[in-house]
Amino acid sequence: MIDRATLPFVFEHPLVTERLVLRLMTLGDVDDVFAYSSLEEVCRYQLHEPRTRDEVAEQIANHSAAATLAKDGDYLQFALELPATADEPARVIGDSYFSLGSVENSRGVIGWTMHPDFMGRGYATEAASTVLDTAFRTLRLHRVMAELDPRNTASIALCKRLGMREEAYFVQDLAFKGEWGDTGVYAILRDEWVAAHPQ
């Protein structure tokens, strides 16, 4: 018996973790997002080049309007907000991407980007774990996968911390910034996630 996903899903309330708030992006986030999406080191393994501030503003305008998951290709782009403290204002330190890869096959796709100043502190794992938990427990998707550049060792390590397994390694399967690039595929099933994270 195939258990179908619970769709459509409308994102109406932020996801709150121990240290972060995951919410839809707003135009007020442009400066924070530009601070890392304009960096060569951040974009090295992504399909796009470093973005200008105007390009970031355009992207955020699109992301802020994407709040429903109902059909293939629908997505949510979460701002990873570090809440304000007595000494520091709130700021966006990265983002997490989630899309419906296939409604028919109950499959989602996850991705992430972090400001280098905040890498290595567990924020990406914390955010991705919350996104996966929502995908499996709320949306009841069967499977979530991540596609990445196999040279991106930090993302591979994150996939492994999340319990995702390597399922494929495609050699020179896409034109990538003027050369042929490889693609790695990692994935996890709902039953595996729930077994590893009982409530």
N, C-alpha and C. Protein backbone atom coordinates (compact mmCIF):
# COMPACT_ATOMS: atom_id res chain seq x y z
N MET A 1 0.85 -1.19 0.00
CA MET A 1 0.00 0.00 0.00
C MET A 1 0.89 1.24 0.00
N ILE A 2 0.72 2.09 -0.98
CA ILE A 2 1.50 3.32 -1.08
C ILE A 2 0.79 4.43 -0.31
N ASP A 3 1.52 5.04 0.62
CA ASP A 3 0.99 6.13 1.42
C ASP A 3 1.26 7.44 0.70
N ARG A 4 0.24 8.13 0.26
CA ARG A 4 0.39 9.35 -0.52
C ARG A 4 0.75 10.55 0.37
N ALA A 5 1.44 11.50 -0.22
CA ALA A 5 1.84 12.71 0.49
C ALA A 5 0.62 13.55 0.84
N THR A 6 0.75 14.32 1.91
CA THR A 6 -0.31 15.23 2.34
C THR A 6 -0.11 16.57 1.66
N LEU A 7 -0.80 16.78 0.57
CA LEU A 7 -0.66 17.99 -0.24
C LEU A 7 -2.05 18.51 -0.62
N PRO A 8 -2.19 19.80 -0.89
CA PRO A 8 -1.14 20.83 -0.89
C PRO A 8 -0.72 21.21 0.53
N PHE A 9 0.47 21.75 0.63
CA PHE A 9 1.00 22.25 1.89
C PHE A 9 1.26 23.73 1.74
N VAL A 10 0.66 24.53 2.61
CA VAL A 10 0.86 25.98 2.59
C VAL A 10 1.70 26.36 3.80
N PHE A 11 2.83 26.99 3.54
CA PHE A 11 3.72 27.39 4.62
C PHE A 11 3.20 28.68 5.25
N GLU A 12 2.68 28.56 6.47
CA GLU A 12 2.04 29.70 7.13
C GLU A 12 2.76 30.15 8.39
N HIS A 13 3.55 29.28 9.00
CA HIS A 13 4.19 29.60 10.27
C HIS A 13 5.66 29.22 10.21
N PRO A 14 6.54 30.07 10.73
CA PRO A 14 7.97 29.74 10.73
C PRO A 14 8.25 28.44 11.48
N LEU A 15 9.34 27.79 11.09
CA LEU A 15 9.82 26.62 11.80
C LEU A 15 10.90 27.09 12.77
N VAL A 16 10.74 26.75 14.03
CA VAL A 16 11.67 27.23 15.06
C VAL A 16 12.49 26.06 15.58
N THR A 17 13.81 26.21 15.51
CA THR A 17 14.72 25.19 16.03
C THR A 17 15.32 25.71 17.33
N GLU A 18 16.28 24.99 17.84
CA GLU A 18 16.92 25.41 19.09
C GLU A 18 17.56 26.79 18.97
N ARG A 19 18.16 27.06 17.79
CA ARG A 19 18.90 28.32 17.63
C ARG A 19 18.45 29.18 16.46
N LEU A 20 17.57 28.67 15.61
CA LEU A 20 17.23 29.35 14.37
C LEU A 20 15.72 29.49 14.18
N VAL A 21 15.36 30.42 13.32
CA VAL A 21 13.99 30.54 12.83
C VAL A 21 14.05 30.36 11.31
N LEU A 22 13.31 29.39 10.78
CA LEU A 22 13.22 29.16 9.34
C LEU A 22 11.92 29.77 8.86
N ARG A 23 12.03 30.75 7.97
CA ARG A 23 10.86 31.49 7.50
C ARG A 23 11.05 31.84 6.04
N LEU A 24 9.97 32.32 5.42
CA LEU A 24 10.08 32.78 4.05
C LEU A 24 10.94 34.05 4.00
N MET A 25 11.65 34.23 2.90
CA MET A 25 12.47 35.42 2.74
C MET A 25 11.60 36.64 2.48
N THR A 26 12.14 37.80 2.86
CA THR A 26 11.49 39.08 2.57
C THR A 26 12.54 40.02 1.97
N LEU A 27 12.10 41.10 1.38
CA LEU A 27 13.04 42.06 0.80
C LEU A 27 13.93 42.71 1.86
N GLY A 28 13.53 42.63 3.10
CA GLY A 28 14.39 43.11 4.18
C GLY A 28 15.62 42.26 4.40
N ASP A 29 15.67 41.09 3.74
CA ASP A 29 16.81 40.18 3.89
C ASP A 29 17.88 40.40 2.83
N VAL A 30 17.67 41.32 1.91
CA VAL A 30 18.57 41.46 0.76
C VAL A 30 20.02 41.63 1.19
N ASP A 31 20.30 42.52 2.12
CA ASP A 31 21.69 42.77 2.50
C ASP A 31 22.34 41.54 3.12
N ASP A 32 21.61 40.84 3.98
CA ASP A 32 22.17 39.64 4.61
C ASP A 32 22.45 38.55 3.58
N VAL A 33 21.51 38.35 2.66
CA VAL A 33 21.69 37.30 1.66
C VAL A 33 22.79 37.68 0.67
N PHE A 34 22.83 38.95 0.28
CA PHE A 34 23.88 39.41 -0.62
C PHE A 34 25.26 39.22 0.00
N ALA A 35 25.36 39.33 1.33
CA ALA A 35 26.65 39.22 2.01
C ALA A 35 27.31 37.87 1.76
N TYR A 36 26.51 36.81 1.54
CA TYR A 36 27.14 35.51 1.26
C TYR A 36 26.93 35.04 -0.18
N SER A 37 25.83 35.41 -0.81
CA SER A 37 25.59 34.93 -2.18
C SER A 37 26.42 35.69 -3.22
N SER A 38 27.12 36.72 -2.77
CA SER A 38 28.03 37.45 -3.66
C SER A 38 29.46 36.92 -3.57
N LEU A 39 29.69 35.91 -2.74
CA LEU A 39 31.04 35.40 -2.51
C LEU A 39 31.37 34.24 -3.45
N GLU A 40 32.55 34.29 -4.04
CA GLU A 40 32.99 33.22 -4.93
C GLU A 40 33.05 31.88 -4.21
N GLU A 41 33.52 31.88 -2.97
CA GLU A 41 33.66 30.61 -2.24
C GLU A 41 32.30 29.96 -1.97
N VAL A 42 31.26 30.77 -1.82
CA VAL A 42 29.92 30.23 -1.58
C VAL A 42 29.33 29.67 -2.86
N CYS A 43 29.59 30.33 -3.99
CA CYS A 43 28.99 29.93 -5.26
C CYS A 43 29.83 28.89 -6.03
N ARG A 44 30.96 28.55 -5.49
CA ARG A 44 31.88 27.67 -6.22
C ARG A 44 31.21 26.39 -6.73
N TYR A 45 30.39 25.77 -5.89
CA TYR A 45 29.77 24.49 -6.26
C TYR A 45 28.30 24.65 -6.65
N GLN A 46 27.84 25.87 -6.81
CA GLN A 46 26.46 26.10 -7.21
C GLN A 46 26.39 26.41 -8.71
N LEU A 47 25.20 26.31 -9.26
CA LEU A 47 25.05 26.49 -10.71
C LEU A 47 25.20 27.93 -11.14
N HIS A 48 25.05 28.87 -10.23
CA HIS A 48 25.13 30.28 -10.58
C HIS A 48 26.45 30.90 -10.12
N GLU A 49 26.78 32.01 -10.74
CA GLU A 49 27.95 32.79 -10.34
C GLU A 49 27.56 33.69 -9.16
N PRO A 50 28.55 34.32 -8.49
CA PRO A 50 28.20 35.29 -7.45
C PRO A 50 27.21 36.32 -7.96
N ARG A 51 26.22 36.65 -7.13
CA ARG A 51 25.13 37.52 -7.56
C ARG A 51 25.35 38.96 -7.12
N THR A 52 24.83 39.88 -7.94
CA THR A 52 24.82 41.29 -7.56
C THR A 52 23.68 41.52 -6.57
N ARG A 53 23.69 42.70 -5.96
CA ARG A 53 22.63 43.00 -5.01
C ARG A 53 21.27 43.04 -5.72
N ASP A 54 21.22 43.57 -6.93
CA ASP A 54 19.97 43.61 -7.69
C ASP A 54 19.48 42.20 -8.02
N GLU A 55 20.40 41.31 -8.36
CA GLU A 55 20.03 39.93 -8.65
C GLU A 55 19.50 39.24 -7.40
N VAL A 56 20.11 39.51 -6.26
CA VAL A 56 19.63 38.94 -5.00
C VAL A 56 18.22 39.46 -4.70
N ALA A 57 17.99 40.74 -4.89
CA ALA A 57 16.66 41.32 -4.64
C ALA A 57 15.60 40.67 -5.54
N GLU A 58 15.96 40.43 -6.80
CA GLU A 58 15.02 39.79 -7.72
C GLU A 58 14.71 38.36 -7.28
N GLN A 59 15.76 37.63 -6.89
CA GLN A 59 15.56 36.26 -6.42
C GLN A 59 14.67 36.22 -5.18
N ILE A 60 14.93 37.11 -4.24
CA ILE A 60 14.14 37.12 -3.00
C ILE A 60 12.69 37.48 -3.28
N ALA A 61 12.45 38.39 -4.21
CA ALA A 61 11.06 38.72 -4.58
C ALA A 61 10.33 37.48 -5.07
N ASN A 62 11.01 36.65 -5.85
CA ASN A 62 10.41 35.40 -6.32
C ASN A 62 10.21 34.42 -5.17
N HIS A 63 11.24 34.28 -4.33
CA HIS A 63 11.17 33.32 -3.22
C HIS A 63 10.06 33.68 -2.23
N SER A 64 9.89 34.96 -1.97
CA SER A 64 8.91 35.38 -0.97
C SER A 64 7.48 35.07 -1.41
N ALA A 65 7.28 34.91 -2.71
CA ALA A 65 5.94 34.61 -3.23
C ALA A 65 5.68 33.11 -3.33
N ALA A 66 6.70 32.29 -3.09
CA ALA A 66 6.57 30.83 -3.19
C ALA A 66 6.28 30.27 -1.80
N ALA A 67 5.02 29.96 -1.53
CA ALA A 67 4.63 29.53 -0.18
C ALA A 67 3.80 28.26 -0.17
N THR A 68 3.56 27.68 -1.35
CA THR A 68 2.69 26.50 -1.44
C THR A 68 3.39 25.36 -2.17
N LEU A 69 3.28 24.17 -1.61
CA LEU A 69 3.77 22.96 -2.27
C LEU A 69 2.55 22.14 -2.70
N ALA A 70 2.34 22.03 -4.01
CA ALA A 70 1.18 21.30 -4.51
C ALA A 70 1.49 20.46 -5.73
N LYS A 71 2.41 20.93 -6.58
CA LYS A 71 2.70 20.23 -7.84
C LYS A 71 4.21 20.15 -8.05
N ASP A 72 4.62 19.32 -8.99
CA ASP A 72 6.04 19.15 -9.29
C ASP A 72 6.69 20.51 -9.55
N GLY A 73 7.83 20.73 -8.92
CA GLY A 73 8.57 21.96 -9.12
C GLY A 73 8.26 23.06 -8.12
N ASP A 74 7.16 22.95 -7.39
CA ASP A 74 6.87 23.93 -6.34
C ASP A 74 7.98 23.87 -5.29
N TYR A 75 8.31 25.03 -4.72
CA TYR A 75 9.44 25.06 -3.78
C TYR A 75 9.22 26.07 -2.67
N LEU A 76 9.99 25.89 -1.62
CA LEU A 76 10.10 26.85 -0.53
C LEU A 76 11.57 27.18 -0.36
N GLN A 77 11.87 28.45 -0.19
CA GLN A 77 13.25 28.90 0.05
C GLN A 77 13.26 29.55 1.43
N PHE A 78 13.76 28.81 2.41
CA PHE A 78 13.74 29.29 3.79
C PHE A 78 14.94 30.18 4.09
N ALA A 79 14.68 31.33 4.69
CA ALA A 79 15.75 32.12 5.29
C ALA A 79 16.09 31.48 6.64
N LEU A 80 17.38 31.29 6.91
CA LEU A 80 17.82 30.77 8.20
C LEU A 80 18.20 31.99 9.05
N GLU A 81 17.30 32.37 9.93
CA GLU A 81 17.48 33.59 10.71
C GLU A 81 18.02 33.25 12.10
N LEU A 82 19.12 33.90 12.45
CA LEU A 82 19.66 33.84 13.80
C LEU A 82 18.97 34.95 14.58
N PRO A 83 18.16 34.61 15.59
CA PRO A 83 17.38 35.63 16.29
C PRO A 83 18.26 36.68 16.96
N ALA A 84 17.67 37.83 17.23
CA ALA A 84 18.38 38.92 17.88
C ALA A 84 18.75 38.55 19.31
N THR A 85 19.86 39.10 19.77
CA THR A 85 20.28 38.98 21.16
C THR A 85 20.41 40.39 21.73
N ALA A 86 20.83 40.46 22.97
CA ALA A 86 21.03 41.77 23.59
C ALA A 86 22.13 42.56 22.90
N ASP A 87 23.05 41.82 22.25
CA ASP A 87 24.20 42.48 21.62
C ASP A 87 24.12 42.57 20.10
N GLU A 88 23.33 41.71 19.47
CA GLU A 88 23.32 41.64 18.01
C GLU A 88 21.89 41.62 17.48
N PRO A 89 21.62 42.32 16.36
CA PRO A 89 20.28 42.23 15.75
C PRO A 89 20.11 40.87 15.05
N ALA A 90 18.89 40.52 14.76
CA ALA A 90 18.63 39.29 14.00
C ALA A 90 19.28 39.41 12.63
N ARG A 91 19.74 38.30 12.09
CA ARG A 91 20.32 38.32 10.75
C ARG A 91 20.14 36.97 10.09
N VAL A 92 20.09 36.98 8.77
CA VAL A 92 19.99 35.75 7.98
C VAL A 92 21.40 35.25 7.70
N ILE A 93 21.68 34.01 8.08
CA ILE A 93 23.03 33.45 7.96
C ILE A 93 23.12 32.37 6.88
N GLY A 94 22.02 32.12 6.21
CA GLY A 94 22.00 31.11 5.15
C GLY A 94 20.59 30.87 4.69
N ASP A 95 20.42 29.88 3.83
CA ASP A 95 19.08 29.53 3.38
C ASP A 95 19.00 28.04 3.10
N SER A 96 17.80 27.54 3.11
CA SER A 96 17.55 26.13 2.84
C SER A 96 16.45 26.02 1.79
N TYR A 97 16.71 25.18 0.80
CA TYR A 97 15.80 25.00 -0.33
C TYR A 97 15.08 23.67 -0.19
N PHE A 98 13.78 23.66 -0.46
CA PHE A 98 13.04 22.40 -0.50
C PHE A 98 12.03 22.47 -1.63
N SER A 99 11.99 21.44 -2.46
CA SER A 99 11.04 21.42 -3.57
C SER A 99 10.38 20.06 -3.70
N LEU A 100 9.26 20.05 -4.40
CA LEU A 100 8.60 18.79 -4.76
C LEU A 100 9.22 18.30 -6.07
N GLY A 101 10.00 17.25 -5.99
CA GLY A 101 10.60 16.69 -7.19
C GLY A 101 9.60 15.89 -8.00
N SER A 102 8.71 15.17 -7.31
CA SER A 102 7.68 14.38 -7.99
C SER A 102 6.56 14.08 -7.01
N VAL A 103 5.38 14.61 -7.30
CA VAL A 103 4.22 14.30 -6.47
C VAL A 103 3.83 12.84 -6.65
N GLU A 104 3.84 12.36 -7.89
CA GLU A 104 3.46 10.98 -8.18
C GLU A 104 4.32 9.99 -7.41
N ASN A 105 5.61 10.31 -7.29
CA ASN A 105 6.54 9.39 -6.61
C ASN A 105 6.87 9.83 -5.19
N SER A 106 6.12 10.83 -4.69
CA SER A 106 6.25 11.29 -3.31
C SER A 106 7.70 11.60 -2.94
N ARG A 107 8.33 12.42 -3.80
CA ARG A 107 9.76 12.71 -3.66
C ARG A 107 10.02 14.21 -3.52
N GLY A 108 10.86 14.56 -2.55
CA GLY A 108 11.28 15.94 -2.37
C GLY A 108 12.76 16.09 -2.64
N VAL A 109 13.18 17.35 -2.78
CA VAL A 109 14.58 17.67 -3.02
C VAL A 109 14.99 18.75 -2.03
N ILE A 110 16.14 18.57 -1.37
CA ILE A 110 16.60 19.51 -0.36
C ILE A 110 17.97 20.08 -0.74
N GLY A 111 18.21 21.31 -0.33
CA GLY A 111 19.51 21.93 -0.56
C GLY A 111 19.75 23.01 0.48
N TRP A 112 20.96 23.57 0.52
CA TRP A 112 21.30 24.54 1.56
C TRP A 112 22.46 25.41 1.12
N THR A 113 22.55 26.60 1.71
CA THR A 113 23.65 27.52 1.50
C THR A 113 23.90 28.24 2.82
N MET A 114 25.17 28.38 3.20
CA MET A 114 25.50 29.04 4.45
C MET A 114 26.54 30.13 4.25
N HIS A 115 26.42 31.18 5.04
CA HIS A 115 27.47 32.20 5.11
C HIS A 115 28.71 31.53 5.70
N PRO A 116 29.88 31.70 5.09
CA PRO A 116 31.10 31.04 5.59
C PRO A 116 31.40 31.34 7.05
N ASP A 117 31.04 32.51 7.54
CA ASP A 117 31.32 32.87 8.93
C ASP A 117 30.56 32.00 9.92
N PHE A 118 29.52 31.31 9.44
CA PHE A 118 28.68 30.53 10.34
C PHE A 118 28.75 29.03 10.05
N MET A 119 29.66 28.64 9.18
CA MET A 119 29.84 27.21 8.90
C MET A 119 30.60 26.54 10.04
N GLY A 120 30.39 25.25 10.18
CA GLY A 120 31.10 24.49 11.21
C GLY A 120 30.52 24.62 12.60
N ARG A 121 29.34 25.21 12.71
CA ARG A 121 28.72 25.38 14.03
C ARG A 121 27.44 24.57 14.19
N GLY A 122 27.11 23.76 13.19
CA GLY A 122 25.93 22.91 13.28
C GLY A 122 24.63 23.56 12.83
N TYR A 123 24.70 24.81 12.35
CA TYR A 123 23.46 25.48 11.94
C TYR A 123 22.82 24.79 10.74
N ALA A 124 23.62 24.42 9.75
CA ALA A 124 23.07 23.78 8.54
C ALA A 124 22.42 22.45 8.89
N THR A 125 23.04 21.68 9.77
CA THR A 125 22.46 20.40 10.18
C THR A 125 21.15 20.62 10.92
N GLU A 126 21.13 21.62 11.80
CA GLU A 126 19.92 21.94 12.57
C GLU A 126 18.77 22.33 11.64
N ALA A 127 19.07 23.17 10.66
CA ALA A 127 18.02 23.61 9.74
C ALA A 127 17.55 22.48 8.83
N ALA A 128 18.49 21.75 8.25
CA ALA A 128 18.13 20.66 7.33
C ALA A 128 17.36 19.57 8.05
N SER A 129 17.71 19.28 9.29
CA SER A 129 16.97 18.27 10.06
C SER A 129 15.51 18.68 10.24
N THR A 130 15.29 19.96 10.49
CA THR A 130 13.92 20.45 10.67
C THR A 130 13.14 20.39 9.36
N VAL A 131 13.80 20.73 8.25
CA VAL A 131 13.14 20.64 6.95
C VAL A 131 12.79 19.19 6.63
N LEU A 132 13.72 18.28 6.87
CA LEU A 132 13.44 16.86 6.61
C LEU A 132 12.31 16.35 7.51
N ASP A 133 12.31 16.75 8.76
CA ASP A 133 11.26 16.30 9.66
C ASP A 133 9.89 16.77 9.18
N THR A 134 9.84 18.01 8.69
CA THR A 134 8.59 18.53 8.14
C THR A 134 8.19 17.78 6.88
N ALA A 135 9.16 17.49 6.03
CA ALA A 135 8.88 16.77 4.79
C ALA A 135 8.32 15.38 5.07
N PHE A 136 8.85 14.72 6.07
CA PHE A 136 8.44 13.34 6.34
C PHE A 136 7.24 13.23 7.28
N ARG A 137 7.16 14.07 8.28
CA ARG A 137 6.07 13.93 9.26
C ARG A 137 4.84 14.75 8.90
N THR A 138 5.03 15.91 8.31
CA THR A 138 3.89 16.76 7.97
C THR A 138 3.42 16.51 6.54
N LEU A 139 4.35 16.58 5.58
CA LEU A 139 3.98 16.33 4.18
C LEU A 139 3.84 14.84 3.89
N ARG A 140 4.47 14.01 4.72
CA ARG A 140 4.46 12.55 4.58
C ARG A 140 5.01 12.11 3.21
N LEU A 141 6.07 12.77 2.77
CA LEU A 141 6.75 12.34 1.56
C LEU A 141 7.46 11.01 1.82
N HIS A 142 7.67 10.25 0.77
CA HIS A 142 8.31 8.94 0.89
C HIS A 142 9.83 9.04 0.87
N ARG A 143 10.35 10.04 0.15
CA ARG A 143 11.78 10.09 -0.09
C ARG A 143 12.22 11.53 -0.32
N VAL A 144 13.39 11.88 0.20
CA VAL A 144 13.99 13.19 -0.05
C VAL A 144 15.42 12.97 -0.51
N MET A 145 15.81 13.72 -1.53
CA MET A 145 17.16 13.57 -2.09
C MET A 145 17.86 14.92 -2.16
N ALA A 146 19.18 14.85 -2.26
CA ALA A 146 20.01 16.04 -2.46
C ALA A 146 20.93 15.76 -3.64
N GLU A 147 21.03 16.73 -4.55
CA GLU A 147 21.96 16.64 -5.68
C GLU A 147 23.05 17.68 -5.46
N LEU A 148 24.30 17.26 -5.58
CA LEU A 148 25.39 18.17 -5.25
C LEU A 148 26.63 17.89 -6.08
N ASP A 149 27.53 18.84 -6.03
CA ASP A 149 28.84 18.69 -6.67
C ASP A 149 29.68 17.78 -5.78
N PRO A 150 30.16 16.66 -6.30
CA PRO A 150 30.92 15.72 -5.47
C PRO A 150 32.20 16.30 -4.88
N ARG A 151 32.64 17.46 -5.37
CA ARG A 151 33.81 18.12 -4.76
C ARG A 151 33.44 18.88 -3.50
N ASN A 152 32.14 19.03 -3.26
CA ASN A 152 31.67 19.80 -2.11
C ASN A 152 31.66 18.90 -0.87
N THR A 153 32.81 18.75 -0.27
CA THR A 153 32.95 17.82 0.86
C THR A 153 32.12 18.24 2.07
N ALA A 154 31.91 19.54 2.26
CA ALA A 154 31.10 19.99 3.39
C ALA A 154 29.65 19.55 3.24
N SER A 155 29.11 19.64 2.03
CA SER A 155 27.73 19.20 1.81
C SER A 155 27.61 17.69 1.90
N ILE A 156 28.61 16.98 1.43
CA ILE A 156 28.59 15.52 1.55
C ILE A 156 28.59 15.11 3.02
N ALA A 157 29.42 15.78 3.81
CA ALA A 157 29.46 15.47 5.25
C ALA A 157 28.11 15.76 5.90
N LEU A 158 27.45 16.84 5.48
CA LEU A 158 26.13 17.16 6.01
C LEU A 158 25.12 16.08 5.64
N CYS A 159 25.14 15.64 4.40
CA CYS A 159 24.24 14.55 3.98
C CYS A 159 24.42 13.32 4.88
N LYS A 160 25.65 12.99 5.16
CA LYS A 160 25.92 11.81 5.98
C LYS A 160 25.45 12.02 7.42
N ARG A 161 25.63 13.24 7.96
CA ARG A 161 25.13 13.51 9.31
C ARG A 161 23.61 13.38 9.36
N LEU A 162 22.95 13.70 8.26
CA LEU A 162 21.49 13.60 8.20
C LEU A 162 21.01 12.17 7.98
N GLY A 163 21.95 11.25 7.77
CA GLY A 163 21.58 9.86 7.54
C GLY A 163 21.29 9.53 6.09
N MET A 164 21.63 10.44 5.19
CA MET A 164 21.41 10.20 3.77
C MET A 164 22.54 9.33 3.22
N ARG A 165 22.20 8.47 2.29
CA ARG A 165 23.21 7.59 1.69
C ARG A 165 23.54 8.07 0.28
N GLU A 166 24.74 7.79 -0.17
CA GLU A 166 25.10 8.08 -1.55
C GLU A 166 24.43 7.04 -2.44
N GLU A 167 23.68 7.51 -3.43
CA GLU A 167 22.96 6.59 -4.31
C GLU A 167 23.45 6.63 -5.75
N ALA A 168 24.10 7.72 -6.14
CA ALA A 168 24.56 7.81 -7.53
C ALA A 168 25.72 8.79 -7.64
N TYR A 169 26.54 8.56 -8.64
CA TYR A 169 27.63 9.48 -8.98
C TYR A 169 27.67 9.54 -10.50
N PHE A 170 27.17 10.63 -11.05
CA PHE A 170 27.12 10.80 -12.49
C PHE A 170 28.35 11.58 -12.95
N VAL A 171 29.04 11.03 -13.91
CA VAL A 171 30.30 11.61 -14.38
C VAL A 171 30.05 12.53 -15.57
N GLN A 172 30.48 13.79 -15.43
CA GLN A 172 30.37 14.79 -16.49
C GLN A 172 28.99 14.79 -17.14
N ASP A 173 27.97 14.93 -16.29
CA ASP A 173 26.59 14.84 -16.80
C ASP A 173 25.96 16.22 -17.02
N LEU A 174 26.69 17.31 -16.71
CA LEU A 174 26.11 18.62 -16.95
C LEU A 174 27.21 19.63 -17.29
N ALA A 175 26.81 20.61 -18.10
CA ALA A 175 27.72 21.70 -18.42
C ALA A 175 27.73 22.64 -17.23
N PHE A 176 28.91 22.85 -16.65
CA PHE A 176 29.01 23.57 -15.38
C PHE A 176 30.07 24.64 -15.47
N LYS A 177 29.63 25.90 -15.64
CA LYS A 177 30.53 27.05 -15.64
C LYS A 177 31.70 26.87 -16.61
N GLY A 178 31.36 26.48 -17.83
CA GLY A 178 32.35 26.39 -18.88
C GLY A 178 33.10 25.08 -18.96
N GLU A 179 32.71 24.11 -18.14
CA GLU A 179 33.35 22.79 -18.20
C GLU A 179 32.31 21.73 -17.85
N TRP A 180 32.72 20.48 -18.03
CA TRP A 180 31.81 19.39 -17.67
C TRP A 180 31.95 19.10 -16.18
N GLY A 181 30.79 18.96 -15.51
CA GLY A 181 30.79 18.71 -14.08
C GLY A 181 30.09 17.40 -13.74
N ASP A 182 30.45 16.85 -12.58
CA ASP A 182 29.85 15.62 -12.07
C ASP A 182 28.71 15.96 -11.12
N THR A 183 27.84 14.99 -10.84
CA THR A 183 26.74 15.16 -9.89
C THR A 183 26.69 13.97 -8.95
N GLY A 184 26.60 14.26 -7.66
CA GLY A 184 26.37 13.22 -6.66
C GLY A 184 24.94 13.28 -6.16
N VAL A 185 24.37 12.13 -5.88
CA VAL A 185 22.99 12.06 -5.39
C VAL A 185 22.97 11.33 -4.05
N TYR A 186 22.38 11.98 -3.06
CA TYR A 186 22.20 11.39 -1.73
C TYR A 186 20.71 11.39 -1.41
N ALA A 187 20.26 10.41 -0.62
CA ALA A 187 18.82 10.32 -0.34
C ALA A 187 18.55 9.58 0.95
N ILE A 188 17.34 9.79 1.46
CA ILE A 188 16.86 9.09 2.65
C ILE A 188 15.36 8.88 2.50
N LEU A 189 14.85 7.77 3.06
CA LEU A 189 13.43 7.46 3.02
C LEU A 189 12.76 7.87 4.34
N ARG A 190 11.43 8.08 4.27
CA ARG A 190 10.70 8.47 5.46
C ARG A 190 10.85 7.45 6.58
N ASP A 191 10.72 6.15 6.26
CA ASP A 191 10.83 5.12 7.28
C ASP A 191 12.20 5.17 7.97
N GLU A 192 13.24 5.46 7.19
CA GLU A 192 14.59 5.55 7.78
C GLU A 192 14.70 6.76 8.69
N TRP A 193 14.16 7.88 8.26
CA TRP A 193 14.23 9.10 9.08
C TRP A 193 13.46 8.92 10.40
N VAL A 194 12.24 8.41 10.30
CA VAL A 194 11.41 8.25 11.49
C VAL A 194 12.04 7.26 12.46
N ALA A 195 12.62 6.18 11.95
CA ALA A 195 13.27 5.20 12.82
C ALA A 195 14.46 5.80 13.57
N ALA A 196 15.17 6.69 12.88
CA ALA A 196 16.36 7.32 13.48
C ALA A 196 16.01 8.50 14.38
N HIS A 197 14.78 9.04 14.23
CA HIS A 197 14.36 10.22 15.00
C HIS A 197 12.97 10.00 15.59
N PRO A 198 12.84 9.04 16.51
CA PRO A 198 11.52 8.80 17.12
C PRO A 198 11.08 10.00 17.95
N GLN A 199 9.78 10.23 17.96
CA GLN A 199 9.27 11.39 18.73
C GLN A 199 9.03 11.00 20.18
